[in-house]
Amino acid sequence: MATRWTLGYVLEPGFDEPDNASIIDPDGVGPAIGFLLAPEPKTAKNRMHVDVRVAGEPPWDLAEREALIRAKVTQLVGAGATEVRSEHYDGVLGHVVLLDPEGNEFCVA
């Protein structure tokens, strides 16, 4: 699965620790993708959690960041994903949880 997500991407400097890593489009066009190792063994669905970051790095214009997240969610839902829920922190959109067509959970932030 990781190969499918990483084609054409490179490790993001500063985000390559033993328990997590991020990859980026070297041309700066595509979204950054974070891979986080779950601390517990898998007992149900996902063995790996994927975060698709479309909003770049802080500091953010919050309205622009939310618009970018919502646009990517709309695109992914159109491609077959299912939106599960939005997570807000202090009234600000943090991320949106989705399921891919196979039922694997991932987030857009």
Protein backbone atom coordinates (compact mmCIF):
# COMPACT_ATOMS: atom_id res chain seq x y z
CA MET A 1 0.00 0.00 0.00
CA ALA A 2 2.76 2.47 0.86
CA THR A 3 4.24 2.18 -2.63
CA ARG A 4 0.95 3.27 -4.17
CA TRP A 5 0.82 6.33 -1.91
CA THR A 6 4.48 7.31 -2.32
CA LEU A 7 5.23 7.11 -6.04
CA GLY A 8 7.01 10.32 -7.05
CA TYR A 9 7.31 11.57 -3.47
CA VAL A 10 10.36 12.09 -1.23
CA LEU A 11 10.81 12.16 2.55
CA GLU A 12 9.97 15.52 4.06
CA PRO A 13 13.02 16.90 5.93
CA GLY A 14 12.44 16.89 9.68
CA PHE A 15 9.54 14.43 9.45
CA ASP A 16 11.38 11.09 9.32
CA GLU A 17 11.33 9.67 12.85
CA PRO A 18 11.14 5.96 13.80
CA ASP A 19 7.39 6.10 14.56
CA ASN A 20 6.28 8.54 11.84
CA ALA A 21 7.31 10.05 8.55
CA SER A 22 5.96 12.47 5.99
CA ILE A 23 6.50 12.46 2.27
CA ILE A 24 6.16 15.43 -0.06
CA ASP A 25 5.85 16.08 -3.76
CA PRO A 26 9.33 17.34 -4.72
CA ASP A 27 7.69 19.80 -7.13
CA GLY A 28 5.55 21.25 -4.32
CA VAL A 29 2.34 20.54 -6.24
CA GLY A 30 0.83 17.50 -4.51
CA PRO A 31 -0.15 17.22 -0.86
CA ALA A 32 2.19 16.12 1.93
CA ILE A 33 1.32 12.65 3.26
CA GLY A 34 2.05 11.59 6.85
CA PHE A 35 2.50 7.98 7.98
CA LEU A 36 2.04 7.34 11.73
CA LEU A 37 2.88 4.01 13.36
CA ALA A 38 0.08 2.91 15.69
CA PRO A 39 1.44 2.06 19.17
CA GLU A 40 -0.88 -0.92 19.69
CA PRO A 41 -1.29 -4.07 17.60
CA LYS A 42 -4.18 -4.09 15.14
CA THR A 43 -7.33 -5.76 16.40
CA ALA A 44 -9.87 -4.46 13.86
CA LYS A 45 -9.55 -2.44 10.65
CA ASN A 46 -6.58 -0.18 9.81
CA ARG A 47 -3.03 -1.39 10.39
CA MET A 48 -1.76 2.05 9.40
CA HIS A 49 -3.26 5.54 9.62
CA VAL A 50 -2.78 7.93 6.71
CA ASP A 51 -2.99 11.73 6.99
CA VAL A 52 -3.24 13.72 3.76
CA ARG A 53 -2.08 17.27 4.50
CA VAL A 54 -3.28 19.77 1.91
CA ALA A 55 -3.00 22.95 3.94
CA GLY A 56 0.79 23.31 4.06
CA GLU A 57 2.64 24.36 7.19
CA PRO A 58 1.73 26.98 9.83
CA PRO A 59 1.10 29.82 10.15
CA TRP A 60 -2.18 29.40 8.26
CA ASP A 61 -4.94 31.67 7.14
CA LEU A 62 -7.68 29.62 8.84
CA ALA A 63 -10.39 30.32 6.25
CA GLU A 64 -8.04 29.40 3.40
CA ARG A 65 -6.89 26.26 5.24
CA GLU A 66 -10.48 25.11 5.78
CA ALA A 67 -11.33 25.80 2.12
CA LEU A 68 -8.34 23.68 1.00
CA ILE A 69 -9.35 20.82 3.30
CA ARG A 70 -13.00 20.95 2.18
CA ALA A 71 -12.00 21.03 -1.51
CA LYS A 72 -9.81 17.93 -1.09
CA VAL A 73 -12.57 16.13 0.84
CA THR A 74 -15.04 16.91 -1.96
CA GLN A 75 -12.56 15.56 -4.53
CA LEU A 76 -11.97 12.37 -2.54
CA VAL A 77 -15.68 11.77 -1.93
CA GLY A 78 -16.18 12.14 -5.68
CA ALA A 79 -13.53 9.44 -6.16
CA GLY A 80 -15.32 7.00 -3.85
CA ALA A 81 -14.32 7.95 -0.29
CA THR A 82 -16.94 8.39 2.44
CA GLU A 83 -16.82 11.34 4.85
CA VAL A 84 -17.16 10.11 8.45
CA ARG A 85 -16.73 13.23 10.60
CA SER A 86 -14.99 16.57 11.00
CA GLU A 87 -12.81 17.22 14.04
CA HIS A 88 -12.71 20.80 15.33
CA TYR A 89 -10.38 22.22 17.98
CA ASP A 90 -11.39 25.47 19.68
CA GLY A 91 -13.87 26.05 16.86
CA VAL A 92 -11.28 25.56 14.11
CA LEU A 93 -11.36 22.66 11.65
CA GLY A 94 -8.47 20.34 12.52
CA HIS A 95 -9.09 17.46 10.12
CA VAL A 96 -11.78 15.43 8.37
CA VAL A 97 -11.96 11.66 8.80
CA LEU A 98 -12.84 9.61 5.70
CA LEU A 99 -13.03 5.97 4.64
CA ASP A 100 -11.55 4.74 1.38
CA PRO A 101 -13.69 2.35 -0.72
CA GLU A 102 -12.20 -0.63 1.18
CA GLY A 103 -13.19 0.86 4.56
CA ASN A 104 -9.72 2.07 5.59
CA GLU A 105 -9.83 5.25 7.66
CA PHE A 106 -7.68 8.26 6.77
CA CYS A 107 -7.69 11.97 7.50
CA VAL A 108 -7.41 15.15 5.45
CA ALA A 109 -5.81 18.10 7.26
